[in-house]
Amino acid sequence: SGDTVPVHTHRWSSVLYILGTSDFIRYDADGNAVFDSRTATQPMPENGAVLWQPPLPPHSVENVGTGEIRVIAIELKD
């Protein structure tokens, strides 16, 4: 917890396999908060969940929870 992933992008859609979750904030490329899991209306996925994620523009992620975020992302490239 407390770690921040630098600005990066996900050009392609991906399948996510969740290995570990924690509360997090996603920021856009300019540092503006665009998502905070602590105030989300949907529950966070549990460990072992498989999710679909569309491409994401440049962003960074800050772990603001007590757990470790671990995700395997399989990007579906053209």
N, C-alpha and C. Protein backbone atom coordinates (compact mmCIF):
# COMPACT_ATOMS: atom_id res chain seq x y z
N SER A 1 0.83 -1.19 0.00
CA SER A 1 0.00 0.00 0.00
C SER A 1 0.87 1.24 0.00
N GLY A 2 0.31 2.36 -0.46
CA GLY A 2 1.05 3.60 -0.51
C GLY A 2 1.86 3.80 -1.77
N ASP A 3 1.92 2.78 -2.64
CA ASP A 3 2.69 2.89 -3.87
C ASP A 3 1.88 3.58 -4.95
N THR A 4 2.61 4.20 -5.90
CA THR A 4 1.99 4.84 -7.05
C THR A 4 2.63 4.30 -8.32
N VAL A 5 1.81 3.93 -9.28
CA VAL A 5 2.28 3.51 -10.60
C VAL A 5 2.36 4.76 -11.47
N PRO A 6 3.50 5.00 -12.13
CA PRO A 6 3.63 6.21 -12.97
C PRO A 6 2.62 6.22 -14.12
N VAL A 7 2.49 7.39 -14.74
CA VAL A 7 1.56 7.55 -15.86
C VAL A 7 1.90 6.55 -16.96
N HIS A 8 0.87 5.87 -17.43
CA HIS A 8 1.00 4.89 -18.51
C HIS A 8 -0.35 4.77 -19.20
N THR A 9 -0.43 4.00 -20.27
CA THR A 9 -1.68 3.82 -20.98
C THR A 9 -1.91 2.35 -21.26
N HIS A 10 -3.15 2.02 -21.58
CA HIS A 10 -3.51 0.68 -22.04
C HIS A 10 -4.19 0.88 -23.39
N ARG A 11 -3.44 0.69 -24.46
CA ARG A 11 -3.94 0.97 -25.81
C ARG A 11 -5.02 0.00 -26.25
N TRP A 12 -4.99 -1.20 -25.73
CA TRP A 12 -5.92 -2.24 -26.18
C TRP A 12 -6.83 -2.69 -25.05
N SER A 13 -7.96 -3.25 -25.41
CA SER A 13 -8.83 -3.86 -24.42
C SER A 13 -8.09 -5.03 -23.78
N SER A 14 -8.49 -5.38 -22.58
CA SER A 14 -7.80 -6.48 -21.90
C SER A 14 -8.74 -7.25 -21.00
N VAL A 15 -8.31 -8.47 -20.72
CA VAL A 15 -8.95 -9.31 -19.73
C VAL A 15 -8.08 -9.21 -18.48
N LEU A 16 -8.72 -8.93 -17.34
CA LEU A 16 -7.98 -8.79 -16.08
C LEU A 16 -8.29 -9.96 -15.17
N TYR A 17 -7.26 -10.53 -14.57
CA TYR A 17 -7.42 -11.57 -13.55
C TYR A 17 -6.92 -10.97 -12.25
N ILE A 18 -7.81 -10.84 -11.26
CA ILE A 18 -7.50 -10.15 -10.01
C ILE A 18 -6.87 -11.12 -9.01
N LEU A 19 -5.64 -10.81 -8.61
CA LEU A 19 -4.93 -11.63 -7.61
C LEU A 19 -4.95 -10.98 -6.23
N GLY A 20 -5.05 -9.66 -6.18
CA GLY A 20 -5.06 -8.95 -4.91
C GLY A 20 -5.68 -7.58 -5.09
N THR A 21 -6.49 -7.15 -4.13
CA THR A 21 -7.17 -5.86 -4.25
C THR A 21 -6.86 -4.97 -3.06
N SER A 22 -7.05 -3.69 -3.29
CA SER A 22 -6.89 -2.67 -2.27
C SER A 22 -7.59 -1.42 -2.79
N ASP A 23 -7.90 -0.51 -1.92
CA ASP A 23 -8.46 0.76 -2.39
C ASP A 23 -7.41 1.53 -3.17
N PHE A 24 -7.86 2.24 -4.22
CA PHE A 24 -6.94 2.98 -5.06
C PHE A 24 -7.62 4.20 -5.65
N ILE A 25 -6.78 5.14 -6.10
CA ILE A 25 -7.24 6.31 -6.83
C ILE A 25 -6.56 6.28 -8.19
N ARG A 26 -7.36 6.47 -9.26
CA ARG A 26 -6.81 6.58 -10.61
C ARG A 26 -6.81 8.06 -10.98
N TYR A 27 -5.67 8.53 -11.50
CA TYR A 27 -5.50 9.92 -11.91
C TYR A 27 -5.32 9.99 -13.42
N ASP A 28 -5.78 11.06 -14.04
CA ASP A 28 -5.53 11.25 -15.46
C ASP A 28 -4.09 11.75 -15.64
N ALA A 29 -3.69 11.98 -16.88
CA ALA A 29 -2.31 12.38 -17.17
C ALA A 29 -1.93 13.71 -16.53
N ASP A 30 -2.94 14.54 -16.20
CA ASP A 30 -2.68 15.84 -15.58
C ASP A 30 -2.71 15.79 -14.06
N GLY A 31 -2.92 14.61 -13.49
CA GLY A 31 -2.93 14.47 -12.04
C GLY A 31 -4.28 14.68 -11.38
N ASN A 32 -5.35 14.78 -12.18
CA ASN A 32 -6.69 14.94 -11.62
C ASN A 32 -7.27 13.57 -11.28
N ALA A 33 -7.84 13.44 -10.09
CA ALA A 33 -8.47 12.18 -9.69
C ALA A 33 -9.70 11.92 -10.57
N VAL A 34 -9.75 10.74 -11.20
CA VAL A 34 -10.88 10.40 -12.06
C VAL A 34 -11.67 9.21 -11.51
N PHE A 35 -11.10 8.48 -10.54
CA PHE A 35 -11.80 7.36 -9.90
C PHE A 35 -11.20 7.13 -8.54
N ASP A 36 -12.06 6.93 -7.55
CA ASP A 36 -11.62 6.60 -6.19
C ASP A 36 -12.45 5.40 -5.74
N SER A 37 -11.81 4.27 -5.55
CA SER A 37 -12.54 3.05 -5.20
C SER A 37 -13.28 3.18 -3.87
N ARG A 38 -12.84 4.07 -3.01
CA ARG A 38 -13.48 4.22 -1.70
C ARG A 38 -14.86 4.84 -1.80
N THR A 39 -15.14 5.53 -2.91
CA THR A 39 -16.45 6.16 -3.09
C THR A 39 -17.21 5.57 -4.27
N ALA A 40 -16.72 4.46 -4.80
CA ALA A 40 -17.37 3.82 -5.95
C ALA A 40 -18.73 3.26 -5.56
N THR A 41 -19.65 3.29 -6.51
CA THR A 41 -20.99 2.75 -6.26
C THR A 41 -21.04 1.24 -6.45
N GLN A 42 -20.12 0.68 -7.21
CA GLN A 42 -20.03 -0.77 -7.43
C GLN A 42 -19.03 -1.36 -6.44
N PRO A 43 -19.27 -2.56 -5.94
CA PRO A 43 -18.28 -3.18 -5.05
C PRO A 43 -17.00 -3.55 -5.81
N MET A 44 -15.89 -3.54 -5.12
CA MET A 44 -14.61 -3.94 -5.72
C MET A 44 -14.65 -5.43 -6.03
N PRO A 45 -14.01 -5.84 -7.13
CA PRO A 45 -13.97 -7.28 -7.44
C PRO A 45 -13.17 -8.04 -6.39
N GLU A 46 -13.53 -9.28 -6.19
CA GLU A 46 -12.83 -10.12 -5.23
C GLU A 46 -11.65 -10.81 -5.90
N ASN A 47 -10.72 -11.32 -5.09
CA ASN A 47 -9.61 -12.08 -5.63
C ASN A 47 -10.16 -13.25 -6.45
N GLY A 48 -9.56 -13.49 -7.60
CA GLY A 48 -10.00 -14.54 -8.49
C GLY A 48 -11.00 -14.08 -9.53
N ALA A 49 -11.44 -12.85 -9.44
CA ALA A 49 -12.40 -12.33 -10.42
C ALA A 49 -11.72 -12.12 -11.77
N VAL A 50 -12.49 -12.28 -12.83
CA VAL A 50 -12.03 -12.02 -14.19
C VAL A 50 -12.90 -10.91 -14.75
N LEU A 51 -12.27 -9.85 -15.26
CA LEU A 51 -12.99 -8.67 -15.73
C LEU A 51 -12.55 -8.29 -17.13
N TRP A 52 -13.43 -7.61 -17.85
CA TRP A 52 -13.13 -7.03 -19.15
C TRP A 52 -12.84 -5.55 -18.94
N GLN A 53 -11.78 -5.05 -19.55
CA GLN A 53 -11.47 -3.62 -19.45
C GLN A 53 -11.21 -3.04 -20.83
N PRO A 54 -11.93 -1.99 -21.19
CA PRO A 54 -11.66 -1.33 -22.47
C PRO A 54 -10.32 -0.59 -22.38
N PRO A 55 -9.82 -0.09 -23.51
CA PRO A 55 -8.58 0.70 -23.47
C PRO A 55 -8.71 1.87 -22.49
N LEU A 56 -7.59 2.24 -21.89
CA LEU A 56 -7.57 3.38 -20.96
C LEU A 56 -6.59 4.43 -21.46
N PRO A 57 -6.97 5.70 -21.40
CA PRO A 57 -6.04 6.77 -21.77
C PRO A 57 -4.94 6.89 -20.71
N PRO A 58 -3.95 7.75 -20.94
CA PRO A 58 -2.88 7.90 -19.95
C PRO A 58 -3.43 8.16 -18.55
N HIS A 59 -2.86 7.43 -17.58
CA HIS A 59 -3.32 7.53 -16.19
C HIS A 59 -2.23 7.01 -15.26
N SER A 60 -2.38 7.29 -13.98
CA SER A 60 -1.55 6.70 -12.94
C SER A 60 -2.48 6.16 -11.87
N VAL A 61 -1.95 5.29 -11.03
CA VAL A 61 -2.76 4.68 -9.97
C VAL A 61 -2.00 4.76 -8.66
N GLU A 62 -2.71 5.19 -7.60
CA GLU A 62 -2.14 5.25 -6.25
C GLU A 62 -2.88 4.29 -5.35
N ASN A 63 -2.15 3.40 -4.70
CA ASN A 63 -2.74 2.47 -3.74
C ASN A 63 -2.95 3.23 -2.43
N VAL A 64 -4.21 3.45 -2.04
CA VAL A 64 -4.52 4.18 -0.80
C VAL A 64 -5.11 3.26 0.26
N GLY A 65 -5.05 1.95 0.01
CA GLY A 65 -5.59 0.98 0.95
C GLY A 65 -4.49 0.29 1.72
N THR A 66 -4.85 -0.79 2.38
CA THR A 66 -3.90 -1.52 3.21
C THR A 66 -3.39 -2.79 2.54
N GLY A 67 -3.99 -3.17 1.41
CA GLY A 67 -3.60 -4.40 0.74
C GLY A 67 -2.67 -4.15 -0.44
N GLU A 68 -2.31 -5.24 -1.09
CA GLU A 68 -1.46 -5.18 -2.28
C GLU A 68 -2.34 -5.38 -3.51
N ILE A 69 -2.18 -4.52 -4.51
CA ILE A 69 -2.92 -4.66 -5.76
C ILE A 69 -2.08 -5.52 -6.70
N ARG A 70 -2.66 -6.64 -7.12
CA ARG A 70 -1.97 -7.54 -8.05
C ARG A 70 -2.96 -7.98 -9.11
N VAL A 71 -2.65 -7.67 -10.36
CA VAL A 71 -3.55 -7.96 -11.47
C VAL A 71 -2.73 -8.49 -12.64
N ILE A 72 -3.22 -9.55 -13.26
CA ILE A 72 -2.65 -10.02 -14.52
C ILE A 72 -3.55 -9.46 -15.62
N ALA A 73 -2.96 -8.69 -16.53
CA ALA A 73 -3.71 -8.10 -17.64
C ALA A 73 -3.26 -8.73 -18.94
N ILE A 74 -4.21 -9.26 -19.68
CA ILE A 74 -3.93 -9.84 -20.99
C ILE A 74 -4.55 -8.92 -22.03
N GLU A 75 -3.69 -8.16 -22.73
CA GLU A 75 -4.16 -7.20 -23.71
C GLU A 75 -4.42 -7.90 -25.05
N LEU A 76 -5.54 -7.57 -25.66
CA LEU A 76 -5.93 -8.16 -26.93
C LEU A 76 -5.54 -7.20 -28.05
N LYS A 77 -4.35 -7.37 -28.57
CA LYS A 77 -3.79 -6.46 -29.58
C LYS A 77 -4.35 -6.78 -30.95
N ASP A 78 -4.38 -5.75 -31.80
CA ASP A 78 -4.84 -5.92 -33.17
C ASP A 78 -3.96 -6.89 -33.93
